[in-house]
Amino acid sequence: MTRISTRPYAFRQAELLKQSGLHPVLARLFAARGIVSADELLTDLPALIPPNRLLNNEKAANFLADAITAKKKLVIVADYDCDGATACAVGLRGLRMLGAEVDYIVPNRFEYGYGLTPEIVELTAREKSPDIIVTVDNGIASIDGVAAANARGIQVLVTDHHLPADTLPQASVIVNPNQPFCDFSSKNLAGVGVMFYVLLALRAELRKRGAFDQQNQPKLDTLLDLVALGTVADVVKLDPNNRILVAQGLKRMRAGRMHAGIAALFRVAGREPRLASPFDLGFAVGPRLNAAGRLADMALGIECLTTDDEVRAWQIAQELNSINADRKDIEREMQDVALLHLDDFQAQDTHTITVFDESWHQGVIGIVASRLKDKFFRPTITFAPGDEGLIKGSGRSIPGFHLRDALDLVSKHAPSLIQKFGGHAMAAGLTIRADDFAAFQSAFEAVGKSWLRQEQLERIIETDGVLEDAYYTTDFIELLDSQVWGQGFAPPIFCDEFKLVSQRILKERHLKMVLEKNGVRYDAIWFGHTESFGERIRVAFRLDANEYNGVTKVQLLVEHVEQA
């Protein structure tokens, strides 16, 4: 079941924002998203929370500054998703700017799994001989891996943003806004954001030591296109601090001041950097980079982000594009198989979905889980075969169901059921024995049953209500597009009643409509839907500027339709 609702907002709050000079519709939209003062909307770099507020960040800066002075060799151990790749690229570029000798290694997810494992430490020691390992976007759960590094005399600096378990690894320094006793007010930094913050602290420390002054210091803001990409692609909440990082990165992209790899990924995706939006990063650029980690080797994605050679960047972007096309084919096949498994799925009787198939690809199960979650609106975990009788699962959740905590509860109730797990509220991964699939399925469903009420299993499309006729314009769309919308700061969706003038099916997949309101007609499209409707309908929609034959017109991108 899906229903449309209107997001409440405090009228007085909207009035105050309007009085501070904001457009009346923006004032209402921001008030509905909890913005209390115009200061929260500042996107200039000085508005960032200072780096010294992040627990252990100054300690990490001292540690790295000493390492640079002693000419120690650093090796970054990266993660294989977009956040991990951008965090690695930011680390490599930033640390080199600041005088460090630094290399990297990215584990093949199918061979080594996730995080700094003892096997990765052994591989890193053998191939790179580091004095110090720096983890990016992983490491907070790597208790055994850090112990293995310590045993070899390799120091470890952990930079991560994932939720910690009860015990922390015995690393030299840990920087993670989610670790105990850290009062950094933005808990939503992505892995790449944490690495950027470490670099800001390191630069300040080196300045204090006289390595350079304010005038001739390395310009770390050149890394913000990478920071923005990783932040959006990791679907972390865009709180005021993350919105600054993303806005600054988008500003660089729109001005054409981005790294060769990001420019090449925009080009191969057929997107215009001068119009760069969080949507482009999340749905065009990010997935092409992620595809490398899903099907091949993320080293290719990291090379794309670290090369300054435009020709090489373009070659890699084309390769990533074709890997992404393969990923889409595999995903479509897996989705079809998943729907066969769920043929007799009874929504009213189930609170969760768990599916396993022998033929599935480990690298794509997360996307399939996401698609099934969207379709059935249930916390969903999909499993693919691993090694030696194990299967690996990737899960996606719905609001109000903390996936990592749910897995934690399953493992407390049945300690031998889950081999290992990790993640956060909306996404998590785990490994179980293939023989335990049915037992896990019922244990997970039991948690769903006790945590989720029936009304939470209804998809609610939150809208911003009616948009006044005067704002169905390309100028207003431009104003909306100049803001940073995304996870936790939802893009505006409006809702109104229209007369349905005409409807037809496009390419057997999409519903094309002409809608009329107060004598004005609008083109509208509902992707992936082919239902037909009577004359009066209630529509939830986003505004879009559609350019065709050199003419730009307002069109409505439909999110949901119900009979009025």
Protein backbone atom coordinates (compact mmCIF):
# COMPACT_ATOMS: atom_id res chain seq x y z
CA MET A 1 0.00 0.00 0.00
CA THR A 2 1.19 3.49 -0.86
CA ARG A 3 -0.41 6.71 0.27
CA ILE A 4 0.36 10.39 -0.12
CA SER A 5 0.80 12.59 2.95
CA THR A 6 1.74 16.25 3.46
CA ARG A 7 4.84 17.09 5.48
CA PRO A 8 3.93 19.35 8.43
CA TYR A 9 5.85 22.57 9.06
CA ALA A 10 5.82 25.34 11.67
CA PHE A 11 4.19 28.39 10.06
CA ARG A 12 6.00 30.79 12.41
CA GLN A 13 9.34 29.17 11.52
CA ALA A 14 8.64 29.60 7.80
CA GLU A 15 7.73 33.26 8.38
CA LEU A 16 11.01 33.91 10.23
CA LEU A 17 13.00 32.26 7.42
CA LYS A 18 11.06 34.34 4.87
CA GLN A 19 11.84 37.52 6.83
CA SER A 20 15.55 36.63 6.68
CA GLY A 21 15.28 37.03 2.89
CA LEU A 22 14.42 33.51 1.71
CA HIS A 23 12.01 32.84 -1.17
CA PRO A 24 8.55 32.13 0.39
CA VAL A 25 8.35 28.55 -0.99
CA LEU A 26 11.94 27.77 0.06
CA ALA A 27 11.19 29.14 3.53
CA ARG A 28 8.26 26.72 3.81
CA LEU A 29 10.30 23.78 2.44
CA PHE A 30 13.20 24.41 4.82
CA ALA A 31 10.90 24.84 7.83
CA ALA A 32 9.36 21.45 6.98
CA ARG A 33 12.87 19.94 7.03
CA GLY A 34 13.61 21.23 10.52
CA ILE A 35 15.71 24.27 9.60
CA VAL A 36 15.46 26.75 12.46
CA SER A 37 17.74 29.57 11.30
CA ALA A 38 19.18 30.74 8.00
CA ASP A 39 22.67 30.02 9.44
CA GLU A 40 22.00 26.30 9.00
CA LEU A 41 21.77 26.94 5.25
CA LEU A 42 25.24 28.49 4.96
CA THR A 43 27.39 26.54 2.52
CA ASP A 44 30.69 28.44 2.83
CA LEU A 45 33.70 26.52 4.13
CA PRO A 46 34.16 28.66 7.28
CA ALA A 47 30.75 27.35 8.43
CA LEU A 48 32.16 23.78 8.71
CA ILE A 49 32.44 22.33 12.22
CA PRO A 50 36.13 22.87 13.17
CA PRO A 51 38.40 19.79 12.69
CA ASN A 52 39.58 19.87 16.33
CA ARG A 53 36.03 19.03 17.45
CA LEU A 54 36.41 15.50 16.03
CA LEU A 55 37.71 13.18 18.78
CA ASN A 56 41.39 12.16 18.30
CA ASN A 57 41.70 14.24 15.13
CA GLU A 58 44.53 16.38 16.56
CA LYS A 59 46.16 13.20 17.87
CA ALA A 60 45.95 11.72 14.32
CA ALA A 61 47.45 14.95 12.92
CA ASN A 62 50.41 14.71 15.33
CA PHE A 63 50.86 11.02 14.53
CA LEU A 64 50.88 11.68 10.75
CA ALA A 65 53.07 14.80 11.03
CA ASP A 66 55.66 12.75 12.98
CA ALA A 67 55.44 10.01 10.34
CA ILE A 68 56.04 12.52 7.53
CA THR A 69 59.05 13.99 9.38
CA ALA A 70 60.47 10.48 9.96
CA LYS A 71 59.81 9.61 6.28
CA LYS A 72 57.73 6.60 7.27
CA LYS A 73 55.87 4.67 4.57
CA LEU A 74 52.07 4.88 4.77
CA VAL A 75 49.69 2.48 3.04
CA ILE A 76 45.97 3.21 2.79
CA VAL A 77 43.70 0.16 3.05
CA ALA A 78 40.56 1.16 1.18
CA ASP A 79 37.02 -0.16 0.91
CA TYR A 80 35.54 -1.30 -2.40
CA ASP A 81 32.55 1.06 -2.73
CA CYS A 82 32.29 4.65 -3.96
CA ASP A 83 32.82 6.12 -0.48
CA GLY A 84 35.87 3.89 0.02
CA ALA A 85 37.31 4.76 -3.41
CA THR A 86 36.84 8.52 -2.99
CA ALA A 87 38.20 8.35 0.60
CA CYS A 88 41.27 6.53 -0.74
CA ALA A 89 41.74 9.10 -3.54
CA VAL A 90 41.34 12.00 -1.08
CA GLY A 91 43.83 10.31 1.28
CA LEU A 92 46.39 9.66 -1.45
CA ARG A 93 46.14 13.11 -3.02
CA GLY A 94 45.94 15.00 0.28
CA LEU A 95 48.73 13.14 2.09
CA ARG A 96 51.04 13.52 -0.93
CA MET A 97 50.27 17.28 -1.04
CA LEU A 98 51.30 17.42 2.62
CA GLY A 99 54.60 15.61 2.02
CA ALA A 100 53.84 11.99 2.93
CA GLU A 101 55.13 8.88 1.18
CA VAL A 102 51.90 6.96 0.65
CA ASP A 103 50.62 4.01 -1.37
CA TYR A 104 47.34 2.07 -1.22
CA ILE A 105 45.83 -1.38 -1.45
CA VAL A 106 42.19 -2.24 -2.01
CA PRO A 107 41.05 -5.75 -1.05
CA ASN A 108 39.21 -7.79 -3.65
CA ARG A 109 35.85 -8.19 -1.92
CA PHE A 110 35.35 -11.77 -3.15
CA GLU A 111 38.73 -12.97 -1.96
CA TYR A 112 39.22 -11.03 1.27
CA GLY A 113 35.83 -9.69 2.32
CA TYR A 114 35.42 -6.36 4.05
CA GLY A 115 37.73 -4.36 6.29
CA LEU A 116 41.25 -4.77 7.62
CA THR A 117 41.43 -8.56 8.11
CA PRO A 118 44.58 -10.46 9.20
CA GLU A 119 44.81 -11.72 5.57
CA ILE A 120 44.83 -8.13 4.26
CA VAL A 121 47.51 -7.18 6.77
CA GLU A 122 49.63 -10.09 5.56
CA LEU A 123 49.07 -9.13 1.91
CA THR A 124 49.86 -5.45 2.62
CA ALA A 125 53.02 -6.35 4.55
CA ARG A 126 54.18 -8.68 1.76
CA GLU A 127 53.43 -6.35 -1.15
CA LYS A 128 53.89 -2.85 0.28
CA SER A 129 56.09 -3.13 3.43
CA PRO A 130 54.39 -0.26 5.27
CA ASP A 131 55.41 1.34 8.57
CA ILE A 132 51.84 2.56 9.04
CA ILE A 133 48.48 1.37 7.74
CA VAL A 134 45.72 3.98 7.37
CA THR A 135 42.22 2.55 6.96
CA VAL A 136 39.58 4.59 5.13
CA ASP A 137 35.84 3.83 5.37
CA ASN A 138 36.62 0.68 7.38
CA GLY A 139 38.60 -0.53 10.38
CA ILE A 140 36.31 0.21 13.34
CA ALA A 141 35.37 -3.49 13.50
CA SER A 142 38.83 -4.83 12.53
CA ILE A 143 39.93 -6.05 15.96
CA ASP A 144 41.84 -9.11 14.63
CA GLY A 145 43.32 -7.20 11.69
CA VAL A 146 44.70 -4.42 13.87
CA ALA A 147 46.10 -7.02 16.29
CA ALA A 148 47.81 -8.78 13.35
CA ALA A 149 49.34 -5.45 12.23
CA ASN A 150 50.53 -4.65 15.76
CA ALA A 151 52.13 -8.10 15.98
CA ARG A 152 54.16 -7.27 12.85
CA GLY A 153 55.20 -3.89 14.25
CA ILE A 154 52.95 -1.99 11.82
CA GLN A 155 51.09 0.93 13.40
CA VAL A 156 47.44 1.53 12.42
CA LEU A 157 45.46 4.73 12.07
CA VAL A 158 41.74 3.91 11.70
CA THR A 159 39.53 6.44 9.90
CA ASP A 160 35.96 5.23 9.63
CA HIS A 161 32.34 6.31 10.10
CA HIS A 162 30.59 2.96 10.68
CA LEU A 163 29.05 2.13 14.05
CA PRO A 164 31.50 0.48 16.46
CA ALA A 165 30.86 -2.77 18.35
CA ASP A 166 31.30 -2.99 22.14
CA THR A 167 35.06 -3.44 21.75
CA LEU A 168 37.33 -1.15 19.72
CA PRO A 169 40.48 -2.29 17.89
CA GLN A 170 43.83 -1.53 19.59
CA ALA A 171 44.92 0.96 16.91
CA SER A 172 47.44 3.78 17.46
CA VAL A 173 44.67 6.31 16.73
CA ILE A 174 40.97 6.00 15.84
CA VAL A 175 39.09 8.86 14.18
CA ASN A 176 35.37 8.10 13.86
CA PRO A 177 32.54 10.51 14.77
CA ASN A 178 30.49 7.49 15.95
CA GLN A 179 33.01 6.15 18.49
CA PRO A 180 32.22 6.50 22.20
CA PHE A 181 32.88 9.92 23.83
CA CYS A 182 33.11 11.75 20.48
CA ASP A 183 30.90 14.84 20.74
CA PHE A 184 31.35 15.91 17.11
CA SER A 185 27.87 17.14 16.25
CA SER A 186 27.72 15.72 12.71
CA LYS A 187 27.61 11.97 13.22
CA ASN A 188 26.80 11.61 9.51
CA LEU A 189 30.21 12.19 7.94
CA ALA A 190 30.91 9.59 5.22
CA GLY A 191 34.27 7.78 5.19
CA VAL A 192 35.55 10.35 2.70
CA GLY A 193 34.40 13.18 4.98
CA VAL A 194 36.35 11.70 7.92
CA MET A 195 39.51 11.45 5.78
CA PHE A 196 39.09 15.05 4.63
CA TYR A 197 38.78 16.17 8.27
CA VAL A 198 41.99 14.29 9.16
CA LEU A 199 43.80 16.15 6.35
CA LEU A 200 42.50 19.53 7.59
CA ALA A 201 43.88 18.76 11.07
CA LEU A 202 47.19 17.50 9.64
CA ARG A 203 47.63 20.67 7.56
CA ALA A 204 46.97 22.81 10.68
CA GLU A 205 49.56 20.78 12.64
CA LEU A 206 52.19 21.10 9.87
CA ARG A 207 51.48 24.86 9.73
CA LYS A 208 52.11 25.01 13.49
CA ARG A 209 55.42 23.20 12.91
CA GLY A 210 56.44 25.78 10.31
CA ALA A 211 56.23 23.50 7.22
CA PHE A 212 54.29 26.30 5.45
CA ASP A 213 52.15 29.30 6.29
CA GLN A 214 48.54 30.28 5.57
CA GLN A 215 49.57 31.85 2.23
CA ASN A 216 51.53 28.98 0.68
CA GLN A 217 49.83 25.96 2.28
CA PRO A 218 48.50 23.13 0.05
CA LYS A 219 44.94 23.79 -1.14
CA LEU A 220 42.86 20.94 0.25
CA ASP A 221 39.64 22.47 -1.13
CA THR A 222 40.70 21.06 -4.53
CA LEU A 223 39.63 17.66 -3.09
CA LEU A 224 36.02 18.69 -2.47
CA ASP A 225 34.64 17.26 -5.73
CA LEU A 226 35.80 13.83 -4.49
CA VAL A 227 34.39 14.49 -1.00
CA ALA A 228 30.99 15.47 -2.46
CA LEU A 229 30.83 12.39 -4.68
CA GLY A 230 31.61 9.93 -1.85
CA THR A 231 29.23 11.67 0.57
CA VAL A 232 26.25 11.57 -1.80
CA ALA A 233 26.99 8.06 -3.12
CA ASP A 234 27.17 6.62 0.42
CA VAL A 235 23.63 7.90 1.12
CA VAL A 236 24.60 9.41 4.48
CA LYS A 237 22.29 12.07 5.93
CA LEU A 238 22.88 15.50 4.43
CA ASP A 239 22.93 17.43 7.71
CA PRO A 240 24.16 21.08 7.61
CA ASN A 241 27.83 20.02 7.77
CA ASN A 242 27.55 17.45 4.96
CA ARG A 243 25.54 19.93 2.89
CA ILE A 244 28.50 22.33 3.06
CA LEU A 245 30.90 19.63 1.81
CA VAL A 246 28.52 18.63 -1.01
CA ALA A 247 27.66 22.23 -2.00
CA GLN A 248 31.35 23.13 -2.23
CA GLY A 249 32.11 20.04 -4.33
CA LEU A 250 29.20 20.75 -6.69
CA LYS A 251 30.36 24.35 -7.01
CA ARG A 252 33.77 23.13 -8.23
CA MET A 253 32.16 20.71 -10.70
CA ARG A 254 29.83 23.37 -12.10
CA ALA A 255 32.81 25.70 -12.57
CA GLY A 256 34.71 22.93 -14.43
CA ARG A 257 37.34 22.70 -11.65
CA MET A 258 37.15 18.96 -11.01
CA HIS A 259 39.55 16.03 -11.24
CA ALA A 260 40.04 14.37 -14.63
CA GLY A 261 38.32 11.14 -13.52
CA ILE A 262 35.17 12.86 -12.30
CA ALA A 263 34.97 14.92 -15.51
CA ALA A 264 35.35 11.69 -17.54
CA LEU A 265 32.63 9.93 -15.51
CA PHE A 266 30.24 12.84 -16.11
CA ARG A 267 31.00 12.67 -19.84
CA VAL A 268 30.55 8.90 -20.13
CA ALA A 269 27.25 9.16 -18.22
CA GLY A 270 26.01 11.85 -20.62
CA ARG A 271 25.64 14.42 -17.82
CA GLU A 272 26.59 18.11 -17.85
CA PRO A 273 29.03 19.07 -15.06
CA ARG A 274 27.87 22.72 -15.33
CA LEU A 275 24.45 21.49 -14.10
CA ALA A 276 25.90 19.00 -11.58
CA SER A 277 23.42 17.96 -8.88
CA PRO A 278 23.39 15.44 -6.01
CA PHE A 279 21.11 13.35 -8.28
CA ASP A 280 23.93 13.09 -10.88
CA LEU A 281 26.41 11.99 -8.23
CA GLY A 282 24.05 9.42 -6.70
CA PHE A 283 22.55 7.95 -9.86
CA ALA A 284 25.02 8.54 -12.72
CA VAL A 285 28.60 9.03 -11.52
CA GLY A 286 28.53 6.97 -8.29
CA PRO A 287 27.08 3.75 -9.78
CA ARG A 288 29.70 3.68 -12.55
CA LEU A 289 32.45 3.88 -9.95
CA ASN A 290 30.71 1.36 -7.67
CA ALA A 291 30.41 -1.13 -10.55
CA ALA A 292 34.18 -1.73 -10.42
CA GLY A 293 33.98 -2.85 -6.78
CA ARG A 294 30.89 -4.94 -7.45
CA LEU A 295 32.08 -6.94 -10.45
CA ALA A 296 35.80 -6.37 -10.93
CA ASP A 297 38.43 -4.61 -8.84
CA MET A 298 37.97 -1.17 -7.25
CA ALA A 299 41.65 -0.41 -8.00
CA LEU A 300 40.36 0.61 -11.44
CA GLY A 301 37.95 3.12 -9.85
CA ILE A 302 40.70 4.50 -7.60
CA GLU A 303 43.04 4.91 -10.59
CA CYS A 304 40.26 6.84 -12.34
CA LEU A 305 40.10 9.26 -9.39
CA THR A 306 43.85 9.62 -8.89
CA THR A 307 45.13 10.04 -12.47
CA ASP A 308 45.67 13.56 -13.80
CA ASP A 309 45.99 12.24 -17.35
CA GLU A 310 42.73 13.10 -19.14
CA VAL A 311 43.24 10.46 -21.84
CA ARG A 312 43.79 7.71 -19.24
CA ALA A 313 40.82 8.95 -17.18
CA TRP A 314 38.59 8.75 -20.27
CA GLN A 315 39.79 5.19 -21.06
CA ILE A 316 39.01 4.06 -17.50
CA ALA A 317 35.63 5.85 -17.47
CA GLN A 318 34.62 3.95 -20.63
CA GLU A 319 35.74 0.68 -19.05
CA LEU A 320 33.75 1.48 -15.88
CA ASN A 321 30.76 2.35 -18.04
CA SER A 322 30.81 -1.06 -19.71
CA ILE A 323 31.27 -2.85 -16.35
CA ASN A 324 28.22 -0.89 -15.15
CA ALA A 325 26.21 -2.04 -18.19
CA ASP A 326 27.13 -5.66 -17.31
CA ARG A 327 26.11 -4.98 -13.72
CA LYS A 328 22.68 -3.78 -14.93
CA ASP A 329 22.19 -6.96 -17.01
CA ILE A 330 23.14 -9.21 -14.08
CA GLU A 331 20.91 -7.18 -11.77
CA ARG A 332 17.90 -7.50 -14.11
CA GLU A 333 18.32 -11.29 -14.30
CA MET A 334 18.73 -11.57 -10.52
CA GLN A 335 15.66 -9.43 -9.96
CA ASP A 336 13.58 -11.68 -12.20
CA VAL A 337 14.78 -14.73 -10.25
CA ALA A 338 14.05 -12.95 -6.95
CA LEU A 339 10.49 -12.22 -8.04
CA LEU A 340 10.04 -15.92 -8.91
CA HIS A 341 11.19 -16.79 -5.36
CA LEU A 342 8.63 -14.30 -4.05
CA ASP A 343 5.83 -15.51 -6.30
CA ASP A 344 3.60 -16.47 -3.39
CA PHE A 345 4.72 -13.55 -1.19
CA GLN A 346 1.83 -12.50 1.07
CA ALA A 347 2.49 -8.91 2.17
CA GLN A 348 -0.02 -9.00 5.02
CA ASP A 349 1.70 -12.02 6.64
CA THR A 350 5.34 -10.88 6.41
CA HIS A 351 7.42 -8.15 7.98
CA THR A 352 10.77 -8.92 6.29
CA ILE A 353 12.16 -10.50 3.11
CA THR A 354 15.13 -12.88 2.88
CA VAL A 355 16.02 -14.52 -0.43
CA PHE A 356 18.90 -16.77 -1.51
CA ASP A 357 19.76 -18.17 -4.90
CA GLU A 358 22.71 -20.38 -5.90
CA SER A 359 23.19 -18.50 -9.17
CA TRP A 360 23.52 -15.02 -7.72
CA HIS A 361 26.54 -12.71 -7.87
CA GLN A 362 27.88 -11.44 -4.55
CA GLY A 363 28.68 -8.00 -5.97
CA VAL A 364 25.12 -7.20 -7.02
CA ILE A 365 22.98 -8.57 -4.15
CA GLY A 366 22.94 -5.19 -2.40
CA ILE A 367 21.29 -3.48 -5.38
CA VAL A 368 18.77 -6.31 -5.74
CA ALA A 369 17.95 -6.01 -2.02
CA SER A 370 17.41 -2.30 -2.56
CA ARG A 371 15.04 -2.87 -5.52
CA LEU A 372 13.01 -5.51 -3.62
CA LYS A 373 12.83 -3.22 -0.57
CA ASP A 374 11.46 -0.46 -2.82
CA LYS A 375 8.92 -2.80 -4.42
CA PHE A 376 7.58 -4.53 -1.29
CA PHE A 377 8.53 -1.93 1.36
CA ARG A 378 9.99 -4.48 3.75
CA PRO A 379 13.51 -4.77 5.28
CA THR A 380 15.19 -7.06 2.73
CA ILE A 381 18.30 -9.23 2.76
CA THR A 382 19.50 -11.06 -0.37
CA PHE A 383 22.13 -13.81 -0.21
CA ALA A 384 24.64 -15.17 -2.73
CA PRO A 385 27.03 -18.14 -2.43
CA GLY A 386 30.37 -17.53 -0.68
CA ASP A 387 33.20 -19.99 0.04
CA GLU A 388 33.17 -23.26 1.95
CA GLY A 389 29.46 -23.63 2.62
CA LEU A 390 28.97 -19.98 3.56
CA ILE A 391 26.56 -17.49 1.99
CA LYS A 392 26.92 -13.72 2.03
CA GLY A 393 24.01 -11.38 2.56
CA SER A 394 23.44 -7.72 1.82
CA GLY A 395 20.48 -5.91 3.36
CA ARG A 396 18.53 -2.68 2.87
CA SER A 397 15.98 -1.31 5.30
CA ILE A 398 12.95 0.97 5.63
CA PRO A 399 12.55 3.92 8.04
CA GLY A 400 12.07 2.84 11.65
CA PHE A 401 13.92 -0.49 11.33
CA HIS A 402 17.62 -0.30 12.30
CA LEU A 403 19.16 -3.09 10.26
CA ARG A 404 22.48 -3.43 12.06
CA ASP A 405 20.72 -3.47 15.45
CA ALA A 406 18.30 -6.11 14.12
CA LEU A 407 21.23 -8.36 13.10
CA ASP A 408 22.82 -7.70 16.49
CA LEU A 409 19.62 -8.90 18.19
CA VAL A 410 19.47 -12.05 16.01
CA SER A 411 23.08 -12.84 16.94
CA LYS A 412 22.36 -12.29 20.66
CA HIS A 413 19.35 -14.65 20.52
CA ALA A 414 21.21 -17.27 18.45
CA PRO A 415 24.98 -16.70 18.93
CA SER A 416 26.06 -19.35 16.41
CA LEU A 417 23.77 -18.22 13.58
CA ILE A 418 25.65 -15.22 12.09
CA GLN A 419 29.37 -15.67 11.38
CA LYS A 420 29.95 -11.91 11.07
CA PHE A 421 27.96 -8.76 10.34
CA GLY A 422 28.29 -4.99 10.18
CA GLY A 423 26.66 -1.86 8.80
CA HIS A 424 24.26 0.85 9.91
CA ALA A 425 20.54 1.69 10.12
CA MET A 426 19.62 1.44 6.45
CA ALA A 427 22.20 -1.01 5.05
CA ALA A 428 24.17 -3.94 6.41
CA GLY A 429 26.09 -7.04 5.38
CA LEU A 430 26.50 -10.47 6.95
CA THR A 431 27.80 -13.99 6.46
CA ILE A 432 25.99 -17.17 7.53
CA ARG A 433 26.28 -20.89 6.77
CA ALA A 434 24.13 -21.97 3.80
CA ASP A 435 22.58 -24.68 6.04
CA ASP A 436 21.40 -21.96 8.45
CA PHE A 437 19.47 -19.95 5.86
CA ALA A 438 16.00 -21.14 6.97
CA ALA A 439 16.87 -20.61 10.65
CA PHE A 440 18.14 -17.10 9.92
CA GLN A 441 15.07 -16.33 7.85
CA SER A 442 12.71 -17.13 10.72
CA ALA A 443 14.92 -15.39 13.34
CA PHE A 444 15.05 -12.21 11.23
CA GLU A 445 11.29 -12.34 10.62
CA ALA A 446 10.75 -12.68 14.39
CA VAL A 447 12.65 -9.41 14.95
CA GLY A 448 10.61 -7.77 12.16
CA LYS A 449 7.40 -8.95 13.76
CA SER A 450 8.28 -7.60 17.20
CA TRP A 451 9.66 -4.25 15.92
CA LEU A 452 7.38 -3.26 13.05
CA ARG A 453 3.76 -2.18 13.30
CA GLN A 454 1.49 -2.69 10.29
CA GLU A 455 1.32 1.04 9.51
CA GLN A 456 5.15 1.18 9.25
CA LEU A 457 4.89 -1.29 6.36
CA GLU A 458 2.84 1.18 4.34
CA ARG A 459 4.87 3.30 1.94
CA ILE A 460 4.12 6.94 2.63
CA ILE A 461 5.11 9.51 0.01
CA GLU A 462 5.73 12.66 2.00
CA THR A 463 4.97 15.76 -0.04
CA ASP A 464 5.22 19.48 0.49
CA GLY A 465 1.57 19.98 -0.42
CA VAL A 466 0.23 22.31 -3.09
CA LEU A 467 2.57 24.49 -5.17
CA GLU A 468 1.13 27.86 -6.14
CA ASP A 469 0.48 28.22 -9.90
CA ALA A 470 2.98 31.10 -10.19
CA TYR A 471 5.91 28.75 -9.46
CA TYR A 472 5.44 26.21 -12.25
CA THR A 473 8.35 27.93 -14.03
CA THR A 474 11.87 27.09 -15.18
CA ASP A 475 13.19 29.96 -13.01
CA PHE A 476 11.70 28.37 -9.91
CA ILE A 477 13.12 24.97 -10.94
CA GLU A 478 16.55 26.62 -11.24
CA LEU A 479 16.15 28.02 -7.72
CA LEU A 480 15.27 24.55 -6.36
CA ASP A 481 18.20 22.99 -8.24
CA SER A 482 20.63 25.45 -6.68
CA GLN A 483 19.96 23.92 -3.23
CA VAL A 484 21.55 20.70 -1.91
CA TRP A 485 18.84 18.05 -1.45
CA GLY A 486 19.40 14.39 -0.64
CA GLN A 487 19.28 11.75 2.08
CA GLY A 488 17.69 13.19 5.24
CA PHE A 489 17.03 16.49 3.44
CA ALA A 490 14.44 15.28 0.97
CA PRO A 491 14.08 16.91 -2.45
CA PRO A 492 10.74 18.74 -2.73
CA ILE A 493 7.74 16.71 -3.89
CA PHE A 494 4.51 18.63 -4.43
CA CYS A 495 0.98 17.30 -4.53
CA ASP A 496 -2.21 18.52 -6.16
CA GLU A 497 -5.42 17.53 -7.93
CA PHE A 498 -5.42 17.63 -11.72
CA LYS A 499 -7.75 16.87 -14.60
CA LEU A 500 -6.27 14.01 -16.64
CA VAL A 501 -6.50 15.22 -20.25
CA SER A 502 -4.73 12.25 -21.88
CA GLN A 503 -2.66 9.17 -21.02
CA ARG A 504 -0.59 6.75 -23.11
CA ILE A 505 2.03 4.09 -22.52
CA LEU A 506 5.60 4.83 -23.66
CA LYS A 507 7.95 1.95 -24.62
CA GLU A 508 5.59 -0.48 -22.84
CA ARG A 509 7.02 0.75 -19.53
CA HIS A 510 6.12 4.36 -18.71
CA LEU A 511 2.89 6.33 -18.34
CA LYS A 512 2.90 9.63 -20.27
CA MET A 513 0.14 12.05 -19.29
CA VAL A 514 -1.15 15.54 -20.02
CA LEU A 515 -2.55 17.14 -16.85
CA GLU A 516 -4.58 20.31 -16.46
CA LYS A 517 -4.99 22.67 -13.54
CA ASN A 518 -6.73 26.07 -13.62
CA GLY A 519 -6.76 26.03 -17.42
CA VAL A 520 -2.99 25.37 -17.78
CA ARG A 521 -1.71 22.09 -19.19
CA TYR A 522 1.44 20.22 -18.12
CA ASP A 523 3.27 17.21 -19.54
CA ALA A 524 3.85 14.52 -16.93
CA ILE A 525 5.60 11.13 -16.90
CA TRP A 526 5.45 8.27 -14.38
CA PHE A 527 8.42 6.00 -14.98
CA GLY A 528 7.94 2.25 -14.57
CA HIS A 529 4.15 2.43 -14.35
CA THR A 530 1.44 1.52 -16.86
CA GLU A 531 -1.83 1.84 -14.88
CA SER A 532 -4.72 3.89 -16.29
CA PHE A 533 -6.85 6.40 -14.37
CA GLY A 534 -10.16 8.26 -14.46
CA GLU A 535 -10.54 11.96 -15.15
CA ARG A 536 -9.74 13.50 -11.70
CA ILE A 537 -6.49 12.40 -10.09
CA ARG A 538 -4.31 13.38 -7.14
CA VAL A 539 -0.66 13.47 -8.13
CA ALA A 540 2.57 13.60 -6.10
CA PHE A 541 5.30 15.00 -8.36
CA ARG A 542 8.70 16.64 -8.71
CA LEU A 543 9.26 19.60 -11.03
CA ASP A 544 11.62 19.07 -13.93
CA ALA A 545 12.89 21.31 -16.74
CA ASN A 546 12.69 19.21 -19.90
CA GLU A 547 14.84 20.43 -22.79
CA TYR A 548 13.74 19.30 -26.27
CA ASN A 549 14.75 20.78 -29.62
CA GLY A 550 16.25 23.80 -27.87
CA VAL A 551 13.02 24.59 -26.00
CA THR A 552 12.86 24.14 -22.21
CA LYS A 553 9.45 23.34 -20.72
CA VAL A 554 8.24 22.46 -17.24
CA GLN A 555 7.29 18.82 -16.89
CA LEU A 556 6.10 16.86 -13.87
CA LEU A 557 8.00 13.74 -12.80
CA VAL A 558 5.32 11.69 -11.11
CA GLU A 559 6.03 9.89 -7.83
CA HIS A 560 2.53 8.54 -7.23
CA VAL A 561 -1.03 8.84 -8.52
CA GLU A 562 -4.31 8.11 -6.77
CA GLN A 563 -7.85 8.57 -8.01
CA ALA A 564 -9.26 11.84 -6.63
